[in-house]
Amino acid sequence: MLTVYLDQNKWIDLARAYHDRADGRPFLDVLELAEYASEHRLASFPLSTMHYLETWKHADEGKRERLALVMARLSRFDTIASISHVLPAEIEAALNRLFGRPARPRRLRVFGRGISHAFGKDLTIKLQRVEDIPASIQDELHHELWKLSEFWYIGALRPSEEVPPLQTEGLNRFSTEFMDAEKTIVAAMEEARAAKDDRDRVALVRTVLDVIAAGPLFDICARAGVTREEFYSLGAEGLLRFVQLLPSRHVNFELQKLRYEDSALPRREGDLLDLEALSIAVAYCDVVITERHWVHLIKRAGLHKLRNTTVLSDLRQLGPILVKGEARASS
């Protein structure tokens, strides 16, 4: 089944088409094809944590609900795991390649269902079992409640106290701190007139530091029987190889290198969410449709070829890809 990652703006385009907005009419054909592909499980349109967080930002509940309706309809609540879930498995696989330990790296499950999979924590609403009601009926009720709660979560709707609010203040702070740090680093390199090799080393060091913080790398190393001394003995070339063995971090690293080359590139608070979402999507999805400047960077780095991922900026180009997928499935 084809996995298609849509940037938030592309979901908005489909929502405009679905709700018969004039600015959505150019996307009516691709919406129809996407609905067919989703219904017949020819394609999956997984949601990431970025989609939830971006949707929750809208103050207008009506807009959130209209967007959530299309997201729920097409995604069928398929989701893509966040970096906190993906990275530990990537680290174990990389350590196995470099040190032969752990002997059996954990299985990486990038795609799943529901907000619990996307955020890596159980947010499922539990029904209390009633002895007098048959188990099959209770299971059906639980499934219907799950679907309803998933829809509530996508649109940040809270018609019931059963659905707890999700806090985003911490992420907003991290996004601001990331943007400020980026500006500081780029300004320092500009002042020092840093050469390309120096900028690339900064990107590598920052990537490794992020892995140490987010992995958490050394806890995983300890469980695998790899000491800090062994890890640092890799040296600069070995650390680069280590990053290249982490699919999502390698995408992030290559994009950061190109961003550091361009001091005039605007640094925005949304960059952190975009980078994290795209790093996983480019590494593991078949098709990624995102903003033009990200497509430009991804292709400049050759990541689309390395990961065998189709990367597009025009949502309408998805139509022929879905048609080919449907033709293959029916042949």
C-alpha atoms as a PDB file:
ATOM      1  CA  MET A   1       0.000   0.000   0.000  1.00  0.00           C
ATOM      2  CA  LEU A   2       1.290   3.433  -0.976  1.00  0.00           C
ATOM      3  CA  THR A   3       2.046   5.745   1.979  1.00  0.00           C
ATOM      4  CA  VAL A   4       1.433   9.405   1.186  1.00  0.00           C
ATOM      5  CA  TYR A   5       2.515  12.182   3.533  1.00  0.00           C
ATOM      6  CA  LEU A   6       0.717  15.482   3.031  1.00  0.00           C
ATOM      7  CA  ASP A   7       1.947  18.769   4.440  1.00  0.00           C
ATOM      8  CA  GLN A   8      -0.642  20.645   6.509  1.00  0.00           C
ATOM      9  CA  ASN A   9      -1.264  23.096   3.665  1.00  0.00           C
ATOM     10  CA  LYS A  10      -2.074  20.213   1.334  1.00  0.00           C
ATOM     11  CA  TRP A  11      -4.653  18.889   3.775  1.00  0.00           C
ATOM     12  CA  ILE A  12      -6.175  22.372   3.833  1.00  0.00           C
ATOM     13  CA  ASP A  13      -6.351  22.348   0.012  1.00  0.00           C
ATOM     14  CA  LEU A  14      -8.226  19.025   0.123  1.00  0.00           C
ATOM     15  CA  ALA A  15     -10.554  20.352   2.822  1.00  0.00           C
ATOM     16  CA  ARG A  16     -11.375  23.369   0.662  1.00  0.00           C
ATOM     17  CA  ALA A  17     -12.188  21.032  -2.217  1.00  0.00           C
ATOM     18  CA  TYR A  18     -14.308  18.781  -0.010  1.00  0.00           C
ATOM     19  CA  HIS A  19     -16.332  21.711   1.319  1.00  0.00           C
ATOM     20  CA  ASP A  20     -16.799  23.133  -2.203  1.00  0.00           C
ATOM     21  CA  ARG A  21     -14.724  26.261  -1.739  1.00  0.00           C
ATOM     22  CA  ALA A  22     -13.799  28.088  -4.936  1.00  0.00           C
ATOM     23  CA  ASP A  23     -10.096  27.920  -4.071  1.00  0.00           C
ATOM     24  CA  GLY A  24     -10.405  24.162  -3.597  1.00  0.00           C
ATOM     25  CA  ARG A  25     -11.876  23.343  -7.010  1.00  0.00           C
ATOM     26  CA  PRO A  26      -8.458  22.722  -8.655  1.00  0.00           C
ATOM     27  CA  PHE A  27      -8.073  19.789  -6.238  1.00  0.00           C
ATOM     28  CA  LEU A  28     -11.459  18.107  -6.721  1.00  0.00           C
ATOM     29  CA  ASP A  29     -10.039  15.393  -8.998  1.00  0.00           C
ATOM     30  CA  VAL A  30      -7.204  14.481  -6.673  1.00  0.00           C
ATOM     31  CA  LEU A  31      -9.618  14.482  -3.713  1.00  0.00           C
ATOM     32  CA  GLU A  32     -11.852  11.974  -5.509  1.00  0.00           C
ATOM     33  CA  LEU A  33      -8.881   9.747  -6.330  1.00  0.00           C
ATOM     34  CA  ALA A  34      -7.537   9.999  -2.783  1.00  0.00           C
ATOM     35  CA  GLU A  35     -10.924   9.053  -1.309  1.00  0.00           C
ATOM     36  CA  TYR A  36     -11.120   6.002  -3.562  1.00  0.00           C
ATOM     37  CA  ALA A  37      -7.534   4.966  -2.778  1.00  0.00           C
ATOM     38  CA  SER A  38      -8.108   5.380   0.954  1.00  0.00           C
ATOM     39  CA  GLU A  39     -11.440   3.512   0.967  1.00  0.00           C
ATOM     40  CA  HIS A  40      -9.985   0.552  -0.930  1.00  0.00           C
ATOM     41  CA  ARG A  41      -6.717   0.633   1.050  1.00  0.00           C
ATOM     42  CA  LEU A  42      -4.637   1.288  -2.038  1.00  0.00           C
ATOM     43  CA  ALA A  43      -3.017   4.237  -0.284  1.00  0.00           C
ATOM     44  CA  SER A  44      -2.595   5.424   3.287  1.00  0.00           C
ATOM     45  CA  PHE A  45      -2.513   9.093   4.268  1.00  0.00           C
ATOM     46  CA  PRO A  46      -1.019   9.004   7.788  1.00  0.00           C
ATOM     47  CA  LEU A  47      -1.229  11.911  10.197  1.00  0.00           C
ATOM     48  CA  SER A  48       1.802  13.012  12.207  1.00  0.00           C
ATOM     49  CA  THR A  49       2.096  14.893  15.471  1.00  0.00           C
ATOM     50  CA  MET A  50       2.669  18.000  13.343  1.00  0.00           C
ATOM     51  CA  HIS A  51      -0.808  17.678  11.827  1.00  0.00           C
ATOM     52  CA  TYR A  52      -2.451  17.506  15.246  1.00  0.00           C
ATOM     53  CA  LEU A  53      -0.428  20.419  16.602  1.00  0.00           C
ATOM     54  CA  GLU A  54      -0.927  22.604  13.534  1.00  0.00           C
ATOM     55  CA  THR A  55      -4.677  21.963  13.563  1.00  0.00           C
ATOM     56  CA  TRP A  56      -4.939  22.736  17.281  1.00  0.00           C
ATOM     57  CA  LYS A  57      -3.437  26.175  16.645  1.00  0.00           C
ATOM     58  CA  HIS A  58      -6.592  27.376  14.878  1.00  0.00           C
ATOM     59  CA  ALA A  59      -8.765  29.416  17.208  1.00  0.00           C
ATOM     60  CA  ASP A  60     -11.864  28.850  15.053  1.00  0.00           C
ATOM     61  CA  GLU A  61     -13.535  25.591  16.104  1.00  0.00           C
ATOM     62  CA  GLY A  62     -15.560  25.476  12.881  1.00  0.00           C
ATOM     63  CA  LYS A  63     -12.409  25.520  10.749  1.00  0.00           C
ATOM     64  CA  ARG A  64     -10.843  22.824  12.916  1.00  0.00           C
ATOM     65  CA  GLU A  65     -13.918  20.633  12.620  1.00  0.00           C
ATOM     66  CA  ARG A  66     -14.141  21.008   8.830  1.00  0.00           C
ATOM     67  CA  LEU A  67     -10.449  20.171   8.450  1.00  0.00           C
ATOM     68  CA  ALA A  68     -10.709  17.291  10.927  1.00  0.00           C
ATOM     69  CA  LEU A  69     -13.572  15.797   8.934  1.00  0.00           C
ATOM     70  CA  VAL A  70     -11.407  15.490   5.811  1.00  0.00           C
ATOM     71  CA  MET A  71      -8.351  14.329   7.753  1.00  0.00           C
ATOM     72  CA  ALA A  72     -10.390  11.612   9.467  1.00  0.00           C
ATOM     73  CA  ARG A  73     -12.090  10.577   6.231  1.00  0.00           C
ATOM     74  CA  LEU A  74      -8.876  10.174   4.230  1.00  0.00           C
ATOM     75  CA  SER A  75      -6.438   9.054   6.925  1.00  0.00           C
ATOM     76  CA  ARG A  76      -8.906   6.614   8.505  1.00  0.00           C
ATOM     77  CA  PHE A  77      -6.873   7.445  11.602  1.00  0.00           C
ATOM     78  CA  ASP A  78      -3.633   6.031  10.165  1.00  0.00           C
ATOM     79  CA  THR A  79      -0.716   7.775  11.862  1.00  0.00           C
ATOM     80  CA  ILE A  80       3.052   8.010  11.617  1.00  0.00           C
ATOM     81  CA  ALA A  81       5.178   7.694  14.744  1.00  0.00           C
ATOM     82  CA  SER A  82       7.006  10.643  16.270  1.00  0.00           C
ATOM     83  CA  ILE A  83      10.772  10.914  16.594  1.00  0.00           C
ATOM     84  CA  SER A  84      10.665   9.809  20.242  1.00  0.00           C
ATOM     85  CA  HIS A  85       9.321   6.442  19.064  1.00  0.00           C
ATOM     86  CA  VAL A  86      11.341   6.107  15.846  1.00  0.00           C
ATOM     87  CA  LEU A  87      14.767   7.153  17.083  1.00  0.00           C
ATOM     88  CA  PRO A  88      15.437   4.458  19.744  1.00  0.00           C
ATOM     89  CA  ALA A  89      14.846   1.698  17.186  1.00  0.00           C
ATOM     90  CA  GLU A  90      17.039   3.500  14.639  1.00  0.00           C
ATOM     91  CA  ILE A  91      19.813   3.859  17.239  1.00  0.00           C
ATOM     92  CA  GLU A  92      19.741   0.158  18.119  1.00  0.00           C
ATOM     93  CA  ALA A  93      19.920  -0.802  14.430  1.00  0.00           C
ATOM     94  CA  ALA A  94      22.876   1.582  13.905  1.00  0.00           C
ATOM     95  CA  LEU A  95      24.734   0.277  16.968  1.00  0.00           C
ATOM     96  CA  ASN A  96      24.222  -3.263  15.703  1.00  0.00           C
ATOM     97  CA  ARG A  97      25.797  -2.298  12.360  1.00  0.00           C
ATOM     98  CA  LEU A  98      28.751  -0.526  13.989  1.00  0.00           C
ATOM     99  CA  PHE A  99      29.429  -2.676  17.078  1.00  0.00           C
ATOM    100  CA  GLY A 100      27.410  -5.851  16.579  1.00  0.00           C
ATOM    101  CA  ARG A 101      25.361  -4.948  19.656  1.00  0.00           C
ATOM    102  CA  PRO A 102      22.530  -5.263  20.540  1.00  0.00           C
ATOM    103  CA  ALA A 103      22.280  -8.638  18.808  1.00  0.00           C
ATOM    104  CA  ARG A 104      18.545  -8.188  18.228  1.00  0.00           C
ATOM    105  CA  PRO A 105      17.562  -4.528  17.701  1.00  0.00           C
ATOM    106  CA  ARG A 106      13.977  -3.674  18.517  1.00  0.00           C
ATOM    107  CA  ARG A 107      11.469  -3.739  15.694  1.00  0.00           C
ATOM    108  CA  LEU A 108      10.702  -0.338  14.244  1.00  0.00           C
ATOM    109  CA  ARG A 109       6.998   0.324  13.740  1.00  0.00           C
ATOM    110  CA  VAL A 110       6.704   3.643  11.907  1.00  0.00           C
ATOM    111  CA  PHE A 111       3.068   3.347  10.852  1.00  0.00           C
ATOM    112  CA  GLY A 112       0.131   2.614  13.108  1.00  0.00           C
ATOM    113  CA  ARG A 113      -3.302   3.887  14.042  1.00  0.00           C
ATOM    114  CA  GLY A 114      -4.587   6.656  16.245  1.00  0.00           C
ATOM    115  CA  ILE A 115      -3.200   9.529  18.239  1.00  0.00           C
ATOM    116  CA  SER A 116      -1.631   7.163  20.770  1.00  0.00           C
ATOM    117  CA  HIS A 117       0.691   5.822  18.076  1.00  0.00           C
ATOM    118  CA  ALA A 118       1.492   9.319  16.773  1.00  0.00           C
ATOM    119  CA  PHE A 119       2.409  10.691  20.196  1.00  0.00           C
ATOM    120  CA  GLY A 120       3.857   7.491  21.629  1.00  0.00           C
ATOM    121  CA  LYS A 121       1.633   7.437  24.698  1.00  0.00           C
ATOM    122  CA  ASP A 122      -1.704   5.845  25.487  1.00  0.00           C
ATOM    123  CA  LEU A 123      -4.515   8.365  25.058  1.00  0.00           C
ATOM    124  CA  THR A 124      -7.218   5.766  24.444  1.00  0.00           C
ATOM    125  CA  ILE A 125     -10.535   6.205  26.218  1.00  0.00           C
ATOM    126  CA  LYS A 126     -11.434   3.085  28.185  1.00  0.00           C
ATOM    127  CA  LEU A 127     -15.002   1.833  28.657  1.00  0.00           C
ATOM    128  CA  GLN A 128     -15.915   0.181  31.912  1.00  0.00           C
ATOM    129  CA  ARG A 129     -17.062  -3.380  31.280  1.00  0.00           C
ATOM    130  CA  VAL A 130     -20.653  -4.245  32.190  1.00  0.00           C
ATOM    131  CA  GLU A 131     -21.285  -7.915  32.972  1.00  0.00           C
ATOM    132  CA  ASP A 132     -24.875  -7.972  31.665  1.00  0.00           C
ATOM    133  CA  ILE A 133     -23.921  -6.712  28.186  1.00  0.00           C
ATOM    134  CA  PRO A 134     -22.387  -9.238  25.712  1.00  0.00           C
ATOM    135  CA  ALA A 135     -18.656  -8.740  25.119  1.00  0.00           C
ATOM    136  CA  SER A 136     -19.160  -8.405  21.341  1.00  0.00           C
ATOM    137  CA  ILE A 137     -21.496  -5.446  21.824  1.00  0.00           C
ATOM    138  CA  GLN A 138     -19.116  -3.836  24.279  1.00  0.00           C
ATOM    139  CA  ASP A 139     -16.253  -4.262  21.819  1.00  0.00           C
ATOM    140  CA  GLU A 140     -18.339  -2.610  19.106  1.00  0.00           C
ATOM    141  CA  LEU A 141     -19.234   0.271  21.420  1.00  0.00           C
ATOM    142  CA  HIS A 142     -15.598   0.684  22.382  1.00  0.00           C
ATOM    143  CA  HIS A 143     -14.576   0.823  18.706  1.00  0.00           C
ATOM    144  CA  GLU A 144     -17.192   3.457  17.933  1.00  0.00           C
ATOM    145  CA  LEU A 145     -16.080   5.509  20.944  1.00  0.00           C
ATOM    146  CA  TRP A 146     -12.478   5.167  19.776  1.00  0.00           C
ATOM    147  CA  LYS A 147     -13.351   6.521  16.319  1.00  0.00           C
ATOM    148  CA  LEU A 148     -15.292   9.414  17.835  1.00  0.00           C
ATOM    149  CA  SER A 149     -12.498  10.307  20.252  1.00  0.00           C
ATOM    150  CA  GLU A 150      -9.941  10.140  17.429  1.00  0.00           C
ATOM    151  CA  PHE A 151     -12.025  12.628  15.462  1.00  0.00           C
ATOM    152  CA  TRP A 152     -12.255  14.875  18.525  1.00  0.00           C
ATOM    153  CA  TYR A 153      -8.495  14.751  18.931  1.00  0.00           C
ATOM    154  CA  ILE A 154      -7.752  15.643  15.308  1.00  0.00           C
ATOM    155  CA  GLY A 155      -9.886  18.763  15.500  1.00  0.00           C
ATOM    156  CA  ALA A 156      -9.049  19.666  19.103  1.00  0.00           C
ATOM    157  CA  LEU A 157     -12.758  19.374  19.868  1.00  0.00           C
ATOM    158  CA  ARG A 158     -13.872  18.658  23.415  1.00  0.00           C
ATOM    159  CA  PRO A 159     -17.569  17.869  23.630  1.00  0.00           C
ATOM    160  CA  SER A 160     -16.877  15.630  26.603  1.00  0.00           C
ATOM    161  CA  GLU A 161     -14.616  15.707  29.646  1.00  0.00           C
ATOM    162  CA  GLU A 162     -13.659  12.152  28.681  1.00  0.00           C
ATOM    163  CA  VAL A 163     -11.246  13.633  26.146  1.00  0.00           C
ATOM    164  CA  PRO A 164      -8.442  15.340  28.062  1.00  0.00           C
ATOM    165  CA  PRO A 165      -6.727  18.422  26.643  1.00  0.00           C
ATOM    166  CA  LEU A 166      -3.241  18.041  25.217  1.00  0.00           C
ATOM    167  CA  GLN A 167      -0.696  20.609  26.317  1.00  0.00           C
ATOM    168  CA  THR A 168       1.319  22.353  23.604  1.00  0.00           C
ATOM    169  CA  GLU A 169       3.017  25.090  25.624  1.00  0.00           C
ATOM    170  CA  GLY A 170       6.222  23.083  25.997  1.00  0.00           C
ATOM    171  CA  LEU A 171       6.469  22.460  22.274  1.00  0.00           C
ATOM    172  CA  ASN A 172       5.852  26.124  21.521  1.00  0.00           C
ATOM    173  CA  ARG A 173       8.758  26.991  23.814  1.00  0.00           C
ATOM    174  CA  PHE A 174      11.028  24.418  22.134  1.00  0.00           C
ATOM    175  CA  SER A 175      10.072  25.773  18.693  1.00  0.00           C
ATOM    176  CA  THR A 176      10.995  29.302  19.743  1.00  0.00           C
ATOM    177  CA  GLU A 177      14.248  28.146  21.341  1.00  0.00           C
ATOM    178  CA  PHE A 178      15.115  26.173  18.194  1.00  0.00           C
ATOM    179  CA  MET A 179      14.517  29.200  15.981  1.00  0.00           C
ATOM    180  CA  ASP A 180      16.587  31.462  18.238  1.00  0.00           C
ATOM    181  CA  ALA A 181      19.434  28.932  18.364  1.00  0.00           C
ATOM    182  CA  GLU A 182      19.397  28.637  14.575  1.00  0.00           C
ATOM    183  CA  LYS A 183      19.700  32.397  14.175  1.00  0.00           C
ATOM    184  CA  THR A 184      22.568  32.518  16.685  1.00  0.00           C
ATOM    185  CA  ILE A 185      24.483  29.683  15.012  1.00  0.00           C
ATOM    186  CA  VAL A 186      24.079  31.107  11.509  1.00  0.00           C
ATOM    187  CA  ALA A 187      25.107  34.594  12.649  1.00  0.00           C
ATOM    188  CA  ALA A 188      28.220  33.201  14.370  1.00  0.00           C
ATOM    189  CA  MET A 189      29.238  31.254  11.262  1.00  0.00           C
ATOM    190  CA  GLU A 190      28.686  34.309   9.085  1.00  0.00           C
ATOM    191  CA  GLU A 191      30.827  36.439  11.394  1.00  0.00           C
ATOM    192  CA  ALA A 192      33.577  33.819  11.388  1.00  0.00           C
ATOM    193  CA  ARG A 193      33.244  33.419   7.615  1.00  0.00           C
ATOM    194  CA  ALA A 194      33.060  29.684   8.167  1.00  0.00           C
ATOM    195  CA  ALA A 195      33.878  27.457   5.208  1.00  0.00           C
ATOM    196  CA  LYS A 196      31.455  24.790   4.006  1.00  0.00           C
ATOM    197  CA  ASP A 197      33.353  22.004   5.813  1.00  0.00           C
ATOM    198  CA  ASP A 198      33.098  23.932   9.068  1.00  0.00           C
ATOM    199  CA  ARG A 199      29.365  24.495   8.598  1.00  0.00           C
ATOM    200  CA  ASP A 200      28.893  20.792   7.860  1.00  0.00           C
ATOM    201  CA  ARG A 201      30.762  19.887  11.050  1.00  0.00           C
ATOM    202  CA  VAL A 202      28.502  22.201  13.047  1.00  0.00           C
ATOM    203  CA  ALA A 203      25.472  20.451  11.540  1.00  0.00           C
ATOM    204  CA  LEU A 204      26.964  17.047  12.416  1.00  0.00           C
ATOM    205  CA  VAL A 205      27.764  18.024  16.008  1.00  0.00           C
ATOM    206  CA  ARG A 206      24.300  19.476  16.484  1.00  0.00           C
ATOM    207  CA  THR A 207      22.691  16.334  15.067  1.00  0.00           C
ATOM    208  CA  VAL A 208      24.695  14.073  17.389  1.00  0.00           C
ATOM    209  CA  LEU A 209      23.862  16.285  20.383  1.00  0.00           C
ATOM    210  CA  ASP A 210      20.180  16.092  19.463  1.00  0.00           C
ATOM    211  CA  VAL A 211      20.425  12.299  19.284  1.00  0.00           C
ATOM    212  CA  ILE A 212      22.129  12.206  22.685  1.00  0.00           C
ATOM    213  CA  ALA A 213      19.334  14.310  24.157  1.00  0.00           C
ATOM    214  CA  ALA A 214      16.364  12.740  22.374  1.00  0.00           C
ATOM    215  CA  GLY A 215      17.410   9.078  22.126  1.00  0.00           C
ATOM    216  CA  PRO A 216      18.406   8.934  24.872  1.00  0.00           C
ATOM    217  CA  LEU A 217      21.539   7.650  23.184  1.00  0.00           C
ATOM    218  CA  PHE A 218      23.680   6.583  26.113  1.00  0.00           C
ATOM    219  CA  ASP A 219      20.864   4.782  27.907  1.00  0.00           C
ATOM    220  CA  ILE A 220      20.397   2.720  24.757  1.00  0.00           C
ATOM    221  CA  CYS A 221      24.168   2.205  24.452  1.00  0.00           C
ATOM    222  CA  ALA A 222      24.325   0.976  28.053  1.00  0.00           C
ATOM    223  CA  ARG A 223      21.551  -1.550  27.480  1.00  0.00           C
ATOM    224  CA  ALA A 224      23.344  -2.713  24.329  1.00  0.00           C
ATOM    225  CA  GLY A 225      26.670  -3.045  26.137  1.00  0.00           C
ATOM    226  CA  VAL A 226      28.366  -0.208  24.242  1.00  0.00           C
ATOM    227  CA  THR A 227      30.348   2.124  26.507  1.00  0.00           C
ATOM    228  CA  ARG A 228      30.655   5.865  25.983  1.00  0.00           C
ATOM    229  CA  GLU A 229      34.348   5.376  25.305  1.00  0.00           C
ATOM    230  CA  GLU A 230      33.562   2.911  22.531  1.00  0.00           C
ATOM    231  CA  PHE A 231      31.005   5.252  21.023  1.00  0.00           C
ATOM    232  CA  TYR A 232      33.305   8.294  21.043  1.00  0.00           C
ATOM    233  CA  SER A 233      36.136   6.177  19.626  1.00  0.00           C
ATOM    234  CA  LEU A 234      34.216   6.290  16.354  1.00  0.00           C
ATOM    235  CA  GLY A 235      35.782   9.703  15.704  1.00  0.00           C
ATOM    236  CA  ALA A 236      34.448  12.247  13.229  1.00  0.00           C
ATOM    237  CA  GLU A 237      34.117   9.829  10.309  1.00  0.00           C
ATOM    238  CA  GLY A 238      32.493   7.201  12.501  1.00  0.00           C
ATOM    239  CA  LEU A 239      30.012   9.704  13.922  1.00  0.00           C
ATOM    240  CA  LEU A 240      29.074  10.718  10.392  1.00  0.00           C
ATOM    241  CA  ARG A 241      28.534   7.055   9.535  1.00  0.00           C
ATOM    242  CA  PHE A 242      26.437   6.682  12.694  1.00  0.00           C
ATOM    243  CA  VAL A 243      24.175   9.580  11.640  1.00  0.00           C
ATOM    244  CA  GLN A 244      23.896   8.154   8.115  1.00  0.00           C
ATOM    245  CA  LEU A 245      22.642   4.894   9.635  1.00  0.00           C
ATOM    246  CA  LEU A 246      19.766   6.729  11.341  1.00  0.00           C
ATOM    247  CA  PRO A 247      17.345   7.286   8.431  1.00  0.00           C
ATOM    248  CA  SER A 248      15.318  10.091  10.014  1.00  0.00           C
ATOM    249  CA  ARG A 249      18.348  11.859  11.509  1.00  0.00           C
ATOM    250  CA  HIS A 250      20.273  11.584   8.271  1.00  0.00           C
ATOM    251  CA  VAL A 251      17.461  13.394   6.428  1.00  0.00           C
ATOM    252  CA  ASN A 252      17.441  16.043   9.161  1.00  0.00           C
ATOM    253  CA  PHE A 253      21.239  16.398   9.010  1.00  0.00           C
ATOM    254  CA  GLU A 254      21.343  16.854   5.233  1.00  0.00           C
ATOM    255  CA  LEU A 255      18.588  19.465   5.334  1.00  0.00           C
ATOM    256  CA  GLN A 256      20.314  21.329   8.158  1.00  0.00           C
ATOM    257  CA  LYS A 257      23.576  21.411   6.211  1.00  0.00           C
ATOM    258  CA  LEU A 258      21.843  23.148   3.319  1.00  0.00           C
ATOM    259  CA  ARG A 259      20.026  25.529   5.654  1.00  0.00           C
ATOM    260  CA  TYR A 260      23.342  26.549   7.231  1.00  0.00           C
ATOM    261  CA  GLU A 261      24.694  27.397   3.781  1.00  0.00           C
ATOM    262  CA  ASP A 262      22.031  30.062   3.303  1.00  0.00           C
ATOM    263  CA  SER A 263      22.218  32.764   5.954  1.00  0.00           C
ATOM    264  CA  ALA A 264      19.400  34.704   4.248  1.00  0.00           C
ATOM    265  CA  LEU A 265      16.952  31.836   4.694  1.00  0.00           C
ATOM    266  CA  PRO A 266      14.122  32.927   7.037  1.00  0.00           C
ATOM    267  CA  ARG A 267      14.107  31.108  10.378  1.00  0.00           C
ATOM    268  CA  ARG A 268      10.543  30.478  11.541  1.00  0.00           C
ATOM    269  CA  GLU A 269       9.003  28.981  14.655  1.00  0.00           C
ATOM    270  CA  GLY A 270       7.384  26.310  12.520  1.00  0.00           C
ATOM    271  CA  ASP A 271      10.748  25.029  11.245  1.00  0.00           C
ATOM    272  CA  LEU A 272      11.183  22.577  14.126  1.00  0.00           C
ATOM    273  CA  LEU A 273       7.843  20.877  13.449  1.00  0.00           C
ATOM    274  CA  ASP A 274       8.463  20.834   9.706  1.00  0.00           C
ATOM    275  CA  LEU A 275      11.953  19.379  10.041  1.00  0.00           C
ATOM    276  CA  GLU A 276      10.906  16.638  12.447  1.00  0.00           C
ATOM    277  CA  ALA A 277       7.849  15.662  10.422  1.00  0.00           C
ATOM    278  CA  LEU A 278       9.645  15.721   7.064  1.00  0.00           C
ATOM    279  CA  SER A 279      12.683  13.863   8.422  1.00  0.00           C
ATOM    280  CA  ILE A 280      10.493  10.864   9.212  1.00  0.00           C
ATOM    281  CA  ALA A 281       8.217  11.236   6.187  1.00  0.00           C
ATOM    282  CA  VAL A 282      11.055  11.424   3.631  1.00  0.00           C
ATOM    283  CA  ALA A 283      12.824   8.510   5.313  1.00  0.00           C
ATOM    284  CA  TYR A 284       9.830   6.158   5.388  1.00  0.00           C
ATOM    285  CA  CYS A 285       6.949   7.291   3.126  1.00  0.00           C
ATOM    286  CA  ASP A 286       6.536   6.545  -0.575  1.00  0.00           C
ATOM    287  CA  VAL A 287       5.269  10.026  -1.473  1.00  0.00           C
ATOM    288  CA  VAL A 288       5.798  13.358   0.308  1.00  0.00           C
ATOM    289  CA  ILE A 289       3.953  16.501  -0.771  1.00  0.00           C
ATOM    290  CA  THR A 290       5.147  19.627   0.958  1.00  0.00           C
ATOM    291  CA  GLU A 291       6.049  23.277   0.473  1.00  0.00           C
ATOM    292  CA  ARG A 292       8.205  24.220  -2.498  1.00  0.00           C
ATOM    293  CA  HIS A 293      11.254  25.364  -0.502  1.00  0.00           C
ATOM    294  CA  TRP A 294      11.414  22.040   1.371  1.00  0.00           C
ATOM    295  CA  VAL A 295      11.111  20.128  -1.916  1.00  0.00           C
ATOM    296  CA  HIS A 296      13.994  22.204  -3.277  1.00  0.00           C
ATOM    297  CA  LEU A 297      16.217  21.361  -0.291  1.00  0.00           C
ATOM    298  CA  ILE A 298      15.269  17.663  -0.282  1.00  0.00           C
ATOM    299  CA  LYS A 299      16.116  17.329  -3.967  1.00  0.00           C
ATOM    300  CA  ARG A 300      19.318  19.365  -3.668  1.00  0.00           C
ATOM    301  CA  ALA A 301      20.486  16.930  -1.017  1.00  0.00           C
ATOM    302  CA  GLY A 302      19.493  13.967  -3.195  1.00  0.00           C
ATOM    303  CA  LEU A 303      17.404  12.546  -0.376  1.00  0.00           C
ATOM    304  CA  HIS A 304      14.515  11.642  -2.672  1.00  0.00           C
ATOM    305  CA  LYS A 305      16.811   9.318  -4.628  1.00  0.00           C
ATOM    306  CA  LEU A 306      18.552   7.947  -1.562  1.00  0.00           C
ATOM    307  CA  ARG A 307      15.263   7.067   0.151  1.00  0.00           C
ATOM    308  CA  ASN A 308      13.386   6.247  -3.091  1.00  0.00           C
ATOM    309  CA  THR A 309      10.718   8.789  -2.152  1.00  0.00           C
ATOM    310  CA  THR A 310       8.634  10.804  -4.599  1.00  0.00           C
ATOM    311  CA  VAL A 311       8.730  14.415  -3.402  1.00  0.00           C
ATOM    312  CA  LEU A 312       6.281  16.955  -4.831  1.00  0.00           C
ATOM    313  CA  SER A 313       5.055  20.468  -4.142  1.00  0.00           C
ATOM    314  CA  ASP A 314       1.931  20.445  -6.337  1.00  0.00           C
ATOM    315  CA  LEU A 315      -0.891  18.384  -4.835  1.00  0.00           C
ATOM    316  CA  ARG A 316      -2.416  17.884  -8.285  1.00  0.00           C
ATOM    317  CA  GLN A 317       0.606  15.768  -9.275  1.00  0.00           C
ATOM    318  CA  LEU A 318      -0.571  13.123  -6.804  1.00  0.00           C
ATOM    319  CA  GLY A 319      -3.456  12.181  -9.120  1.00  0.00           C
ATOM    320  CA  PRO A 320      -1.428  10.258 -11.735  1.00  0.00           C
ATOM    321  CA  ILE A 321       0.477   8.459  -8.963  1.00  0.00           C
ATOM    322  CA  LEU A 322      -2.769   7.270  -7.370  1.00  0.00           C
ATOM    323  CA  VAL A 323      -4.145   6.213 -10.771  1.00  0.00           C
ATOM    324  CA  LYS A 324      -1.039   4.107 -11.411  1.00  0.00           C
ATOM    325  CA  GLY A 325      -1.406   2.538  -7.970  1.00  0.00           C
ATOM    326  CA  GLU A 326      -5.044   1.663  -8.649  1.00  0.00           C
ATOM    327  CA  ALA A 327      -4.132   0.218 -12.048  1.00  0.00           C
ATOM    328  CA  ARG A 328      -1.450  -2.012 -10.494  1.00  0.00           C
ATOM    329  CA  ALA A 329      -3.882  -3.206  -7.825  1.00  0.00           C
ATOM    330  CA  SER A 330      -6.547  -4.178 -10.378  1.00  0.00           C
ATOM    331  CA  SER A 331      -4.183  -5.927 -12.798  1.00  0.00           C
END
